[in-house]
Protein backbone atom coordinates (compact mmCIF):
# COMPACT_ATOMS: atom_id res chain seq x y z
CA TRP A 1 0.00 0.00 0.00
CA THR A 2 2.93 2.33 0.44
CA PRO A 3 3.11 3.32 -3.24
CA GLN A 4 -0.58 4.23 -3.28
CA ILE A 5 -0.31 6.25 -0.07
CA VAL A 6 2.68 8.21 -1.37
CA THR A 7 1.62 8.64 -4.99
CA GLY A 8 -2.12 9.12 -4.37
CA PRO A 9 -1.90 12.82 -3.53
CA LEU A 10 0.13 13.30 -6.72
CA ASN A 11 -2.61 11.62 -8.82
CA GLN A 12 -0.19 8.85 -9.80
CA THR A 13 -2.16 5.90 -8.43
CA PRO A 14 -1.60 3.13 -9.29
CA PRO A 15 2.10 3.66 -9.98
CA ASN A 16 3.36 2.93 -13.47
CA LYS A 17 6.72 3.05 -15.24
CA PHE A 18 6.49 6.83 -15.63
CA THR A 19 6.05 7.19 -11.87
CA GLU A 20 9.20 5.13 -11.39
CA VAL A 21 11.13 7.34 -13.82
CA LEU A 22 9.93 10.45 -11.98
CA TRP A 23 10.93 9.17 -8.54
CA GLY A 24 14.19 7.71 -9.89
CA THR A 25 15.09 11.12 -11.29
CA MET A 26 14.07 12.82 -8.05
CA ASN A 27 16.42 10.43 -6.25
CA CYS A 28 19.34 12.16 -8.01
CA LEU A 29 18.47 15.60 -6.67
CA PRO A 30 19.92 15.33 -3.13
CA THR A 31 23.19 14.10 -4.58
CA LEU A 32 23.25 16.94 -7.12
CA PHE A 33 22.41 19.43 -4.36
CA MET A 34 25.27 18.13 -2.21
CA CYS A 35 27.70 18.28 -5.12
CA ILE A 36 26.83 21.92 -5.81
CA VAL A 37 26.96 22.84 -2.13
CA MET A 38 30.35 21.18 -1.65
CA ALA A 39 31.76 22.99 -4.68
CA PHE A 40 30.42 26.48 -4.06
CA ALA A 41 29.24 26.95 -0.46
CA PRO A 42 31.53 29.21 1.56
CA GLU A 43 31.08 26.94 4.58
CA PHE A 44 32.91 24.17 2.75
CA GLN A 45 35.65 26.50 1.57
CA ARG A 46 36.19 27.72 5.15
CA HIS A 47 35.88 24.14 6.50
CA GLU A 48 33.15 25.02 9.03
CA LEU A 49 32.47 21.61 10.52
CA THR A 50 29.05 22.38 12.01
CA ALA A 51 27.63 23.83 8.81
CA MET A 52 29.16 21.06 6.71
CA THR A 53 27.61 18.45 8.99
CA ARG A 54 24.18 20.09 8.64
CA TYR A 55 24.43 20.00 4.86
CA PHE A 56 25.42 16.35 4.90
CA ILE A 57 22.61 15.37 7.27
CA ILE A 58 20.00 17.21 5.18
CA ALA A 59 21.27 15.59 1.97
CA ILE A 60 21.46 12.09 3.45
CA VAL A 61 18.02 12.24 5.08
CA SER A 62 16.48 13.65 1.88
CA PHE A 63 18.14 10.94 -0.18
CA ALA A 64 16.97 8.22 2.25
CA ILE A 65 13.33 9.37 2.17
CA ILE A 66 13.22 9.62 -1.61
CA PHE A 67 15.06 6.30 -1.94
CA ALA A 68 12.51 4.57 0.33
CA ILE A 69 9.61 5.89 -1.74
CA ASN A 70 11.35 4.93 -4.97
CA SER A 71 12.11 1.46 -3.62
CA SER A 72 8.51 0.85 -2.58
CA ILE A 73 7.26 1.91 -6.02
CA HIS A 74 9.84 -0.30 -7.71
CA SER A 75 8.89 -3.31 -5.57
CA PHE A 76 5.20 -2.71 -6.32
CA LEU A 77 5.92 -2.62 -10.05
CA VAL A 78 7.96 -5.85 -9.90
CA VAL A 79 4.99 -7.64 -8.37
CA LYS A 80 2.49 -5.90 -10.69
CA TYR A 81 4.34 -6.80 -13.89
CA ALA A 82 5.32 -10.33 -12.84
CA LYS A 83 3.42 -13.13 -14.50
CA SER A 84 0.92 -14.53 -12.03
CA ASP A 85 2.41 -18.03 -12.14
CA LYS A 86 5.97 -16.76 -11.63
CA VAL A 87 5.62 -14.03 -9.01
CA ALA A 88 7.91 -15.77 -6.52
CA VAL A 89 10.62 -16.32 -9.14
CA SER A 90 10.39 -12.70 -10.35
CA ILE A 91 10.63 -11.33 -6.83
CA GLY A 92 13.48 -13.71 -6.02
CA PHE A 93 15.47 -12.54 -9.04
CA TYR A 94 14.69 -8.92 -8.18
CA TYR A 95 16.10 -9.22 -4.66
CA MET A 96 19.07 -11.35 -5.76
CA SER A 97 20.16 -8.65 -8.18
């Protein structure tokens, strides 16, 4: 139910491959943000440990939340697109990879 709870307010229920592309792309944003901040923020150039730590925590928490949503959508789609007689095999291969 997690994908429906998260994507429902965005009118993306039930999730489809375009939803996965959207959330997969959004998953890159915290990393891009951190890259830009590390390159240009004066706090990083002055090596201010407290400010640097705040930036890292914000980026990591943001990435973790988006990653969890993306993962739940991806898992939902694996089950949705699996052939009904091979759901266990499809899920097994998904988690093995």
